[in-house]
Amino acid sequence: MLTIPKILVLAVIQGLTELLPVSSSAHVIIAEKFMGLDPTAPEMTLVLVMLHTGTMFAVLVYFWNSWKENFFRTKQVFWESARFLIAATIATGILGLLLKFIIEKVFLKNVPHAAVEMIFGNLLIISGGLAVVGALILCTGLKQEGPKYGPMNLKSSVLIGLIQGLCLPFRGFSRSGATISTGLILGLEKKYVEDFSFALAVILTPPVVLREALRLLKAQHGAALHGAGAMGLFFPGVAGMFFSFIAGLAALKWLSSWLEGGRWYIFGFYCLGVSAVILLLQAHGL
């Protein structure tokens, strides 16, 4: 049963890991399993996106001054930045919807009422996602930096958006880890690609929250919920959002320090280690 103490524990875990390139979803899903919760249930996915909302507000508070410099400095800079963010978001939406269609209509075609959320609790997928993003972080974190950074362009923004879209259905494939690493591979300056990655996250969060709220209401209407309904989750969810907000601010300071201080690669080792641990848990029947 989903209780307030469990939500608060999940909030702290999610807030600390959401904004680090270590996949918050992987950590939260493992915690849910240890607490006897079903990560694929509509109420759990709604709680998770509510916690994402808390970290979104942490992102807004933390990055606002930097965004004013990078994205709002002049009218020309604003419109150029808006073009890149819109292009990346469209790319994310197209690939995300395509993957959702393929997963539901091809891989889950024999499952009644198939939904992409059904694979969220699959530990093998989570472990694989962590391994892939860990290797990606290591590749970008250990390579020698070039003498110059290139500017953002439309092609780079679309590529980053596609990588973000690839992260949507696969828990474990860290969104921030993948998008920031892609930006570094493309030769973008560290601080700029960090700002761009989390600006994309803020754009993405509201439609995801709306989707999961609608999914929960649909499940509630069909008497498919286990435990609290939508209204029963509201106040515990708000408390969880507050705790994830505080934890998110701490995590962002940590990420910026390691990214700009040349310790980005350490997150890659961590992801590979957690991937191995999850495989062991799977082998022992978690």
C-alpha atoms as a PDB file:
ATOM      1  CA  MET A   1       0.000   0.000   0.000  1.00  0.00           C
ATOM      2  CA  LEU A   2       1.224   3.480  -0.900  1.00  0.00           C
ATOM      3  CA  THR A   3       1.578   5.487   2.337  1.00  0.00           C
ATOM      4  CA  ILE A   4       2.862   8.990   3.118  1.00  0.00           C
ATOM      5  CA  PRO A   5       6.162   7.733   4.651  1.00  0.00           C
ATOM      6  CA  LYS A   6       6.801   5.672   1.508  1.00  0.00           C
ATOM      7  CA  ILE A   7       6.094   8.692  -0.713  1.00  0.00           C
ATOM      8  CA  LEU A   8       8.523  10.830   1.306  1.00  0.00           C
ATOM      9  CA  VAL A   9      11.255   8.187   1.028  1.00  0.00           C
ATOM     10  CA  LEU A  10      10.672   8.029  -2.731  1.00  0.00           C
ATOM     11  CA  ALA A  11      10.743  11.846  -2.886  1.00  0.00           C
ATOM     12  CA  VAL A  12      14.187  12.070  -1.319  1.00  0.00           C
ATOM     13  CA  ILE A  13      15.561   9.282  -3.538  1.00  0.00           C
ATOM     14  CA  GLN A  14      14.011  10.785  -6.649  1.00  0.00           C
ATOM     15  CA  GLY A  15      15.099  14.334  -5.832  1.00  0.00           C
ATOM     16  CA  LEU A  16      18.703  13.307  -5.243  1.00  0.00           C
ATOM     17  CA  THR A  17      18.967  11.124  -8.344  1.00  0.00           C
ATOM     18  CA  GLU A  18      16.651  12.870 -10.843  1.00  0.00           C
ATOM     19  CA  LEU A  19      19.082  15.657 -11.632  1.00  0.00           C
ATOM     20  CA  LEU A  20      22.204  13.528 -11.487  1.00  0.00           C
ATOM     21  CA  PRO A  21      23.053  11.413 -14.560  1.00  0.00           C
ATOM     22  CA  VAL A  22      22.318   8.167 -12.724  1.00  0.00           C
ATOM     23  CA  SER A  23      18.637   7.567 -13.645  1.00  0.00           C
ATOM     24  CA  SER A  24      16.229   8.528 -10.907  1.00  0.00           C
ATOM     25  CA  SER A  25      13.643   6.147 -12.338  1.00  0.00           C
ATOM     26  CA  ALA A  26      15.955   3.160 -11.853  1.00  0.00           C
ATOM     27  CA  HIS A  27      16.615   4.067  -8.215  1.00  0.00           C
ATOM     28  CA  VAL A  28      12.961   4.822  -7.471  1.00  0.00           C
ATOM     29  CA  ILE A  29      11.727   1.627  -9.124  1.00  0.00           C
ATOM     30  CA  ILE A  30      14.164  -0.493  -7.102  1.00  0.00           C
ATOM     31  CA  ALA A  31      13.034   1.304  -3.930  1.00  0.00           C
ATOM     32  CA  GLU A  32       9.386   0.686  -4.886  1.00  0.00           C
ATOM     33  CA  LYS A  33      10.044  -3.014  -5.330  1.00  0.00           C
ATOM     34  CA  PHE A  34      11.743  -3.226  -1.924  1.00  0.00           C
ATOM     35  CA  MET A  35       8.687  -1.524  -0.401  1.00  0.00           C
ATOM     36  CA  GLY A  36       6.304  -3.944  -2.104  1.00  0.00           C
ATOM     37  CA  LEU A  37       4.911  -1.410  -4.581  1.00  0.00           C
ATOM     38  CA  ASP A  38       4.128  -1.966  -8.266  1.00  0.00           C
ATOM     39  CA  PRO A  39       6.124   0.509 -10.450  1.00  0.00           C
ATOM     40  CA  THR A  40       3.792  -0.091 -13.408  1.00  0.00           C
ATOM     41  CA  ALA A  41       0.574   0.842 -11.546  1.00  0.00           C
ATOM     42  CA  PRO A  42      -1.079   4.120 -12.665  1.00  0.00           C
ATOM     43  CA  GLU A  43      -0.949   5.600  -9.169  1.00  0.00           C
ATOM     44  CA  MET A  44       2.794   4.917  -8.941  1.00  0.00           C
ATOM     45  CA  THR A  45       3.609   6.488 -12.292  1.00  0.00           C
ATOM     46  CA  LEU A  46       1.540   9.540 -11.303  1.00  0.00           C
ATOM     47  CA  VAL A  47       3.402   9.849  -7.984  1.00  0.00           C
ATOM     48  CA  LEU A  48       6.680   9.608  -9.874  1.00  0.00           C
ATOM     49  CA  VAL A  49       5.780  12.446 -12.243  1.00  0.00           C
ATOM     50  CA  MET A  50       4.557  14.540  -9.297  1.00  0.00           C
ATOM     51  CA  LEU A  51       7.995  14.087  -7.766  1.00  0.00           C
ATOM     52  CA  HIS A  52       9.459  15.054 -11.150  1.00  0.00           C
ATOM     53  CA  THR A  53       7.454  18.276 -10.842  1.00  0.00           C
ATOM     54  CA  GLY A  54       9.202  19.062  -7.555  1.00  0.00           C
ATOM     55  CA  THR A  55      12.575  18.648  -9.198  1.00  0.00           C
ATOM     56  CA  MET A  56      11.385  20.761 -12.153  1.00  0.00           C
ATOM     57  CA  PHE A  57      10.861  23.674  -9.764  1.00  0.00           C
ATOM     58  CA  ALA A  58      14.358  23.027  -8.369  1.00  0.00           C
ATOM     59  CA  VAL A  59      15.691  23.302 -11.923  1.00  0.00           C
ATOM     60  CA  LEU A  60      13.853  26.601 -12.460  1.00  0.00           C
ATOM     61  CA  VAL A  61      15.251  28.095  -9.254  1.00  0.00           C
ATOM     62  CA  TYR A  62      18.794  26.821  -9.790  1.00  0.00           C
ATOM     63  CA  PHE A  63      19.218  27.676 -13.472  1.00  0.00           C
ATOM     64  CA  TRP A  64      17.191  30.877 -13.778  1.00  0.00           C
ATOM     65  CA  ASN A  65      20.132  33.315 -13.641  1.00  0.00           C
ATOM     66  CA  SER A  66      22.191  31.177 -15.998  1.00  0.00           C
ATOM     67  CA  TRP A  67      19.288  30.880 -18.432  1.00  0.00           C
ATOM     68  CA  LYS A  68      18.872  34.652 -18.463  1.00  0.00           C
ATOM     69  CA  GLU A  69      22.489  34.905 -19.617  1.00  0.00           C
ATOM     70  CA  ASN A  70      22.402  32.067 -22.156  1.00  0.00           C
ATOM     71  CA  PHE A  71      18.843  32.313 -23.509  1.00  0.00           C
ATOM     72  CA  PHE A  72      17.441  35.800 -22.737  1.00  0.00           C
ATOM     73  CA  ARG A  73      20.469  38.056 -23.153  1.00  0.00           C
ATOM     74  CA  THR A  74      19.101  39.729 -26.286  1.00  0.00           C
ATOM     75  CA  LYS A  75      16.035  39.348 -28.467  1.00  0.00           C
ATOM     76  CA  GLN A  76      18.121  37.611 -31.136  1.00  0.00           C
ATOM     77  CA  VAL A  77      19.577  35.161 -28.623  1.00  0.00           C
ATOM     78  CA  PHE A  78      16.107  34.449 -27.248  1.00  0.00           C
ATOM     79  CA  TRP A  79      14.567  33.580 -30.599  1.00  0.00           C
ATOM     80  CA  GLU A  80      17.572  31.494 -31.613  1.00  0.00           C
ATOM     81  CA  SER A  81      17.481  29.586 -28.319  1.00  0.00           C
ATOM     82  CA  ALA A  82      13.714  29.112 -28.624  1.00  0.00           C
ATOM     83  CA  ARG A  83      14.209  27.654 -32.108  1.00  0.00           C
ATOM     84  CA  PHE A  84      16.747  25.129 -30.804  1.00  0.00           C
ATOM     85  CA  LEU A  85      14.601  24.144 -27.805  1.00  0.00           C
ATOM     86  CA  ILE A  86      11.468  23.763 -29.944  1.00  0.00           C
ATOM     87  CA  ALA A  87      13.338  21.659 -32.523  1.00  0.00           C
ATOM     88  CA  ALA A  88      14.744  19.408 -29.803  1.00  0.00           C
ATOM     89  CA  THR A  89      11.328  19.027 -28.145  1.00  0.00           C
ATOM     90  CA  ILE A  90       9.636  18.142 -31.452  1.00  0.00           C
ATOM     91  CA  ALA A  91      12.329  15.524 -32.102  1.00  0.00           C
ATOM     92  CA  THR A  92      11.759  14.118 -28.601  1.00  0.00           C
ATOM     93  CA  GLY A  93       8.001  13.943 -29.115  1.00  0.00           C
ATOM     94  CA  ILE A  94       8.226  12.251 -32.527  1.00  0.00           C
ATOM     95  CA  LEU A  95      10.692   9.571 -31.411  1.00  0.00           C
ATOM     96  CA  GLY A  96       8.977   9.086 -28.047  1.00  0.00           C
ATOM     97  CA  LEU A  97       5.581   8.503 -29.680  1.00  0.00           C
ATOM     98  CA  LEU A  98       7.132   6.223 -32.305  1.00  0.00           C
ATOM     99  CA  LEU A  99       8.800   4.085 -29.647  1.00  0.00           C
ATOM    100  CA  LYS A 100       5.560   3.992 -27.649  1.00  0.00           C
ATOM    101  CA  PHE A 101       3.694   2.737 -30.729  1.00  0.00           C
ATOM    102  CA  ILE A 102       6.330   0.079 -31.511  1.00  0.00           C
ATOM    103  CA  ILE A 103       6.472  -1.189 -27.920  1.00  0.00           C
ATOM    104  CA  GLU A 104       2.693  -1.364 -27.494  1.00  0.00           C
ATOM    105  CA  LYS A 105       1.753  -2.632 -30.974  1.00  0.00           C
ATOM    106  CA  VAL A 106       4.714  -4.930 -31.678  1.00  0.00           C
ATOM    107  CA  PHE A 107       6.382  -6.122 -28.482  1.00  0.00           C
ATOM    108  CA  LEU A 108       3.235  -6.075 -26.312  1.00  0.00           C
ATOM    109  CA  LYS A 109       0.742  -6.883 -29.056  1.00  0.00           C
ATOM    110  CA  ASN A 110      -0.540  -9.992 -27.256  1.00  0.00           C
ATOM    111  CA  VAL A 111      -0.985  -8.197 -23.919  1.00  0.00           C
ATOM    112  CA  PRO A 112      -4.525  -6.959 -23.160  1.00  0.00           C
ATOM    113  CA  HIS A 113      -4.695  -3.168 -22.740  1.00  0.00           C
ATOM    114  CA  ALA A 114      -0.985  -2.893 -23.529  1.00  0.00           C
ATOM    115  CA  ALA A 115       0.730   0.305 -22.353  1.00  0.00           C
ATOM    116  CA  VAL A 116       4.365   1.326 -22.528  1.00  0.00           C
ATOM    117  CA  GLU A 117       4.360   1.777 -18.733  1.00  0.00           C
ATOM    118  CA  MET A 118       4.190  -2.017 -18.414  1.00  0.00           C
ATOM    119  CA  ILE A 119       7.914  -2.281 -19.129  1.00  0.00           C
ATOM    120  CA  PHE A 120       8.894   0.340 -16.539  1.00  0.00           C
ATOM    121  CA  GLY A 121       9.527  -2.264 -13.848  1.00  0.00           C
ATOM    122  CA  ASN A 122      11.603  -4.598 -16.052  1.00  0.00           C
ATOM    123  CA  LEU A 123      14.946  -4.909 -14.249  1.00  0.00           C
ATOM    124  CA  LEU A 124      16.801  -6.189 -17.318  1.00  0.00           C
ATOM    125  CA  ILE A 125      15.801  -3.079 -19.288  1.00  0.00           C
ATOM    126  CA  ILE A 126      16.766  -0.840 -16.360  1.00  0.00           C
ATOM    127  CA  SER A 127      20.149  -2.548 -15.995  1.00  0.00           C
ATOM    128  CA  GLY A 128      20.797  -2.299 -19.733  1.00  0.00           C
ATOM    129  CA  GLY A 129      19.870   1.385 -19.794  1.00  0.00           C
ATOM    130  CA  LEU A 130      22.229   2.145 -16.912  1.00  0.00           C
ATOM    131  CA  ALA A 131      25.044   0.231 -18.607  1.00  0.00           C
ATOM    132  CA  VAL A 132      24.581   2.129 -21.875  1.00  0.00           C
ATOM    133  CA  VAL A 133      24.442   5.576 -20.285  1.00  0.00           C
ATOM    134  CA  GLY A 134      27.342   4.672 -17.989  1.00  0.00           C
ATOM    135  CA  ALA A 135      29.502   3.797 -20.996  1.00  0.00           C
ATOM    136  CA  LEU A 136      28.392   6.996 -22.753  1.00  0.00           C
ATOM    137  CA  ILE A 137      29.319   9.134 -19.733  1.00  0.00           C
ATOM    138  CA  LEU A 138      32.699   7.426 -19.463  1.00  0.00           C
ATOM    139  CA  CYS A 139      33.430   8.039 -23.151  1.00  0.00           C
ATOM    140  CA  THR A 140      32.689  11.750 -22.856  1.00  0.00           C
ATOM    141  CA  GLY A 141      34.102  12.238 -19.363  1.00  0.00           C
ATOM    142  CA  LEU A 142      37.496  10.669 -20.004  1.00  0.00           C
ATOM    143  CA  LYS A 143      38.228  12.104 -23.447  1.00  0.00           C
ATOM    144  CA  GLN A 144      40.544  15.071 -23.870  1.00  0.00           C
ATOM    145  CA  GLU A 145      38.769  18.375 -24.389  1.00  0.00           C
ATOM    146  CA  GLY A 146      39.358  20.230 -27.635  1.00  0.00           C
ATOM    147  CA  PRO A 147      40.843  23.720 -27.735  1.00  0.00           C
ATOM    148  CA  LYS A 148      37.525  25.303 -28.723  1.00  0.00           C
ATOM    149  CA  TYR A 149      33.845  24.748 -28.139  1.00  0.00           C
ATOM    150  CA  GLY A 150      31.397  24.923 -31.011  1.00  0.00           C
ATOM    151  CA  PRO A 151      28.110  26.833 -30.874  1.00  0.00           C
ATOM    152  CA  MET A 152      24.708  25.169 -30.685  1.00  0.00           C
ATOM    153  CA  ASN A 153      23.060  24.694 -34.064  1.00  0.00           C
ATOM    154  CA  LEU A 154      19.827  23.180 -35.339  1.00  0.00           C
ATOM    155  CA  LYS A 155      21.374  19.791 -36.144  1.00  0.00           C
ATOM    156  CA  SER A 156      22.872  19.473 -32.664  1.00  0.00           C
ATOM    157  CA  SER A 157      19.604  20.452 -30.983  1.00  0.00           C
ATOM    158  CA  VAL A 158      17.671  17.843 -32.969  1.00  0.00           C
ATOM    159  CA  LEU A 159      20.208  15.131 -32.106  1.00  0.00           C
ATOM    160  CA  ILE A 160      19.963  15.978 -28.414  1.00  0.00           C
ATOM    161  CA  GLY A 161      16.168  15.904 -28.707  1.00  0.00           C
ATOM    162  CA  LEU A 162      16.265  12.467 -30.340  1.00  0.00           C
ATOM    163  CA  ILE A 163      18.459  11.124 -27.553  1.00  0.00           C
ATOM    164  CA  GLN A 164      15.999  12.519 -25.016  1.00  0.00           C
ATOM    165  CA  GLY A 165      13.162  10.776 -26.873  1.00  0.00           C
ATOM    166  CA  LEU A 166      15.085   7.498 -26.678  1.00  0.00           C
ATOM    167  CA  CYS A 167      15.229   7.869 -22.890  1.00  0.00           C
ATOM    168  CA  LEU A 168      11.457   8.218 -22.410  1.00  0.00           C
ATOM    169  CA  PRO A 169      10.316   4.564 -22.487  1.00  0.00           C
ATOM    170  CA  PHE A 170      13.490   2.988 -21.140  1.00  0.00           C
ATOM    171  CA  ARG A 171      13.943   3.366 -17.399  1.00  0.00           C
ATOM    172  CA  GLY A 172      17.636   3.338 -16.502  1.00  0.00           C
ATOM    173  CA  PHE A 173      18.711   5.294 -19.589  1.00  0.00           C
ATOM    174  CA  SER A 174      19.299   8.563 -17.736  1.00  0.00           C
ATOM    175  CA  ARG A 175      17.864  11.585 -19.555  1.00  0.00           C
ATOM    176  CA  SER A 176      20.368  14.087 -18.153  1.00  0.00           C
ATOM    177  CA  GLY A 177      23.297  11.706 -18.542  1.00  0.00           C
ATOM    178  CA  ALA A 178      22.434  10.929 -22.158  1.00  0.00           C
ATOM    179  CA  THR A 179      21.595  14.473 -23.307  1.00  0.00           C
ATOM    180  CA  ILE A 180      24.557  16.154 -21.588  1.00  0.00           C
ATOM    181  CA  SER A 181      26.953  13.491 -22.880  1.00  0.00           C
ATOM    182  CA  THR A 182      25.547  13.908 -26.406  1.00  0.00           C
ATOM    183  CA  GLY A 183      26.118  17.654 -26.189  1.00  0.00           C
ATOM    184  CA  LEU A 184      29.711  17.093 -25.075  1.00  0.00           C
ATOM    185  CA  ILE A 185      30.281  14.672 -27.977  1.00  0.00           C
ATOM    186  CA  LEU A 186      28.956  17.360 -30.312  1.00  0.00           C
ATOM    187  CA  GLY A 187      31.548  19.781 -28.906  1.00  0.00           C
ATOM    188  CA  LEU A 188      29.237  22.074 -26.943  1.00  0.00           C
ATOM    189  CA  GLU A 189      30.516  23.976 -23.921  1.00  0.00           C
ATOM    190  CA  LYS A 190      29.822  22.174 -20.633  1.00  0.00           C
ATOM    191  CA  LYS A 191      27.826  24.896 -18.930  1.00  0.00           C
ATOM    192  CA  TYR A 192      25.750  25.609 -22.013  1.00  0.00           C
ATOM    193  CA  VAL A 193      24.827  21.966 -22.640  1.00  0.00           C
ATOM    194  CA  GLU A 194      23.898  21.587 -18.959  1.00  0.00           C
ATOM    195  CA  ASP A 195      21.601  24.622 -19.232  1.00  0.00           C
ATOM    196  CA  PHE A 196      20.112  23.323 -22.496  1.00  0.00           C
ATOM    197  CA  SER A 197      19.521  19.812 -21.167  1.00  0.00           C
ATOM    198  CA  PHE A 198      17.618  20.992 -18.107  1.00  0.00           C
ATOM    199  CA  ALA A 199      15.647  23.574 -20.091  1.00  0.00           C
ATOM    200  CA  LEU A 200      14.419  20.643 -22.185  1.00  0.00           C
ATOM    201  CA  ALA A 201      13.474  18.805 -18.989  1.00  0.00           C
ATOM    202  CA  VAL A 202      11.322  21.722 -17.836  1.00  0.00           C
ATOM    203  CA  ILE A 203       9.524  21.779 -21.194  1.00  0.00           C
ATOM    204  CA  LEU A 204       8.969  18.015 -21.116  1.00  0.00           C
ATOM    205  CA  THR A 205       7.646  17.682 -17.553  1.00  0.00           C
ATOM    206  CA  PRO A 206       4.161  19.321 -17.839  1.00  0.00           C
ATOM    207  CA  PRO A 207       2.898  17.118 -20.728  1.00  0.00           C
ATOM    208  CA  VAL A 208       4.238  13.999 -18.981  1.00  0.00           C
ATOM    209  CA  VAL A 209       2.428  14.977 -15.763  1.00  0.00           C
ATOM    210  CA  LEU A 210      -0.780  15.595 -17.735  1.00  0.00           C
ATOM    211  CA  ARG A 211      -0.491  12.239 -19.512  1.00  0.00           C
ATOM    212  CA  GLU A 212      -0.046  10.332 -16.264  1.00  0.00           C
ATOM    213  CA  ALA A 213      -2.889  12.229 -14.565  1.00  0.00           C
ATOM    214  CA  LEU A 214      -5.205  11.274 -17.426  1.00  0.00           C
ATOM    215  CA  ARG A 215      -3.991   7.679 -17.272  1.00  0.00           C
ATOM    216  CA  LEU A 216      -4.710   7.562 -13.538  1.00  0.00           C
ATOM    217  CA  LEU A 217      -8.216   8.989 -13.989  1.00  0.00           C
ATOM    218  CA  LYS A 218      -8.921   6.455 -16.729  1.00  0.00           C
ATOM    219  CA  ALA A 219      -7.747   3.608 -14.499  1.00  0.00           C
ATOM    220  CA  GLN A 220      -9.798   4.958 -11.609  1.00  0.00           C
ATOM    221  CA  HIS A 221     -12.873   5.099 -13.808  1.00  0.00           C
ATOM    222  CA  GLY A 222     -12.274   1.478 -14.751  1.00  0.00           C
ATOM    223  CA  ALA A 223     -11.838   0.427 -11.101  1.00  0.00           C
ATOM    224  CA  ALA A 224      -8.235  -0.583 -11.850  1.00  0.00           C
ATOM    225  CA  LEU A 225      -6.577   1.345  -9.026  1.00  0.00           C
ATOM    226  CA  HIS A 226      -4.998  -0.313  -6.052  1.00  0.00           C
ATOM    227  CA  GLY A 227      -5.181   1.868  -2.944  1.00  0.00           C
ATOM    228  CA  ALA A 228      -5.583   5.626  -3.092  1.00  0.00           C
ATOM    229  CA  GLY A 229      -7.269   7.324  -6.003  1.00  0.00           C
ATOM    230  CA  ALA A 230      -6.281  10.564  -7.675  1.00  0.00           C
ATOM    231  CA  MET A 231      -7.546  12.816  -4.873  1.00  0.00           C
ATOM    232  CA  GLY A 232      -6.082  10.547  -2.225  1.00  0.00           C
ATOM    233  CA  LEU A 233      -2.655  10.991  -3.793  1.00  0.00           C
ATOM    234  CA  PHE A 234      -2.849  14.782  -4.069  1.00  0.00           C
ATOM    235  CA  PHE A 235      -1.737  15.928  -0.620  1.00  0.00           C
ATOM    236  CA  PRO A 236       0.901  13.198  -0.088  1.00  0.00           C
ATOM    237  CA  GLY A 237       2.122  13.979  -3.600  1.00  0.00           C
ATOM    238  CA  VAL A 238       2.477  17.686  -2.787  1.00  0.00           C
ATOM    239  CA  ALA A 239       4.524  16.826   0.314  1.00  0.00           C
ATOM    240  CA  GLY A 240       6.659  14.579  -1.863  1.00  0.00           C
ATOM    241  CA  MET A 241       7.122  17.391  -4.382  1.00  0.00           C
ATOM    242  CA  PHE A 242       8.481  19.648  -1.620  1.00  0.00           C
ATOM    243  CA  PHE A 243      11.023  17.076  -0.463  1.00  0.00           C
ATOM    244  CA  SER A 244      12.080  16.288  -4.034  1.00  0.00           C
ATOM    245  CA  PHE A 245      12.514  20.048  -4.616  1.00  0.00           C
ATOM    246  CA  ILE A 246      14.950  20.371  -1.677  1.00  0.00           C
ATOM    247  CA  ALA A 247      16.838  17.221  -2.629  1.00  0.00           C
ATOM    248  CA  GLY A 248      16.933  18.376  -6.263  1.00  0.00           C
ATOM    249  CA  LEU A 249      18.661  21.647  -5.393  1.00  0.00           C
ATOM    250  CA  ALA A 250      21.378  19.721  -3.535  1.00  0.00           C
ATOM    251  CA  ALA A 251      21.790  17.328  -6.473  1.00  0.00           C
ATOM    252  CA  LEU A 252      22.153  20.171  -8.992  1.00  0.00           C
ATOM    253  CA  LYS A 253      24.983  21.744  -7.020  1.00  0.00           C
ATOM    254  CA  TRP A 254      26.685  18.360  -6.966  1.00  0.00           C
ATOM    255  CA  LEU A 255      26.224  17.781 -10.723  1.00  0.00           C
ATOM    256  CA  SER A 256      27.483  21.231 -11.724  1.00  0.00           C
ATOM    257  CA  SER A 257      30.538  20.856  -9.526  1.00  0.00           C
ATOM    258  CA  TRP A 258      31.526  17.498 -11.001  1.00  0.00           C
ATOM    259  CA  LEU A 259      30.645  18.356 -14.620  1.00  0.00           C
ATOM    260  CA  GLU A 260      32.562  21.631 -14.671  1.00  0.00           C
ATOM    261  CA  GLY A 261      35.335  20.269 -12.447  1.00  0.00           C
ATOM    262  CA  GLY A 262      36.224  17.395 -14.777  1.00  0.00           C
ATOM    263  CA  ARG A 263      34.704  14.608 -12.682  1.00  0.00           C
ATOM    264  CA  TRP A 264      31.789  13.794 -14.990  1.00  0.00           C
ATOM    265  CA  TYR A 265      33.249  10.339 -15.703  1.00  0.00           C
ATOM    266  CA  ILE A 266      32.689   9.241 -12.079  1.00  0.00           C
ATOM    267  CA  PHE A 267      28.948   9.153 -12.738  1.00  0.00           C
ATOM    268  CA  GLY A 268      29.682   6.646 -15.514  1.00  0.00           C
ATOM    269  CA  PHE A 269      31.432   4.261 -13.137  1.00  0.00           C
ATOM    270  CA  TYR A 270      28.511   4.622 -10.729  1.00  0.00           C
ATOM    271  CA  CYS A 271      25.939   3.760 -13.425  1.00  0.00           C
ATOM    272  CA  LEU A 272      27.895   0.663 -14.451  1.00  0.00           C
ATOM    273  CA  GLY A 273      28.121  -0.427 -10.820  1.00  0.00           C
ATOM    274  CA  VAL A 274      24.390   0.020 -10.216  1.00  0.00           C
ATOM    275  CA  SER A 275      23.675  -1.844 -13.462  1.00  0.00           C
ATOM    276  CA  ALA A 276      25.628  -4.837 -12.140  1.00  0.00           C
ATOM    277  CA  VAL A 277      23.840  -4.671  -8.766  1.00  0.00           C
ATOM    278  CA  ILE A 278      20.438  -4.684 -10.481  1.00  0.00           C
ATOM    279  CA  LEU A 279      21.428  -7.779 -12.481  1.00  0.00           C
ATOM    280  CA  LEU A 280      22.294  -9.502  -9.204  1.00  0.00           C
ATOM    281  CA  LEU A 281      18.954  -8.477  -7.712  1.00  0.00           C
ATOM    282  CA  GLN A 282      17.193  -9.830 -10.788  1.00  0.00           C
ATOM    283  CA  ALA A 283      19.075 -13.110 -10.468  1.00  0.00           C
ATOM    284  CA  HIS A 284      17.928 -13.385  -6.840  1.00  0.00           C
ATOM    285  CA  GLY A 285      14.288 -12.827  -7.740  1.00  0.00           C
ATOM    286  CA  LEU A 286      13.614  -9.193  -6.739  1.00  0.00           C
END
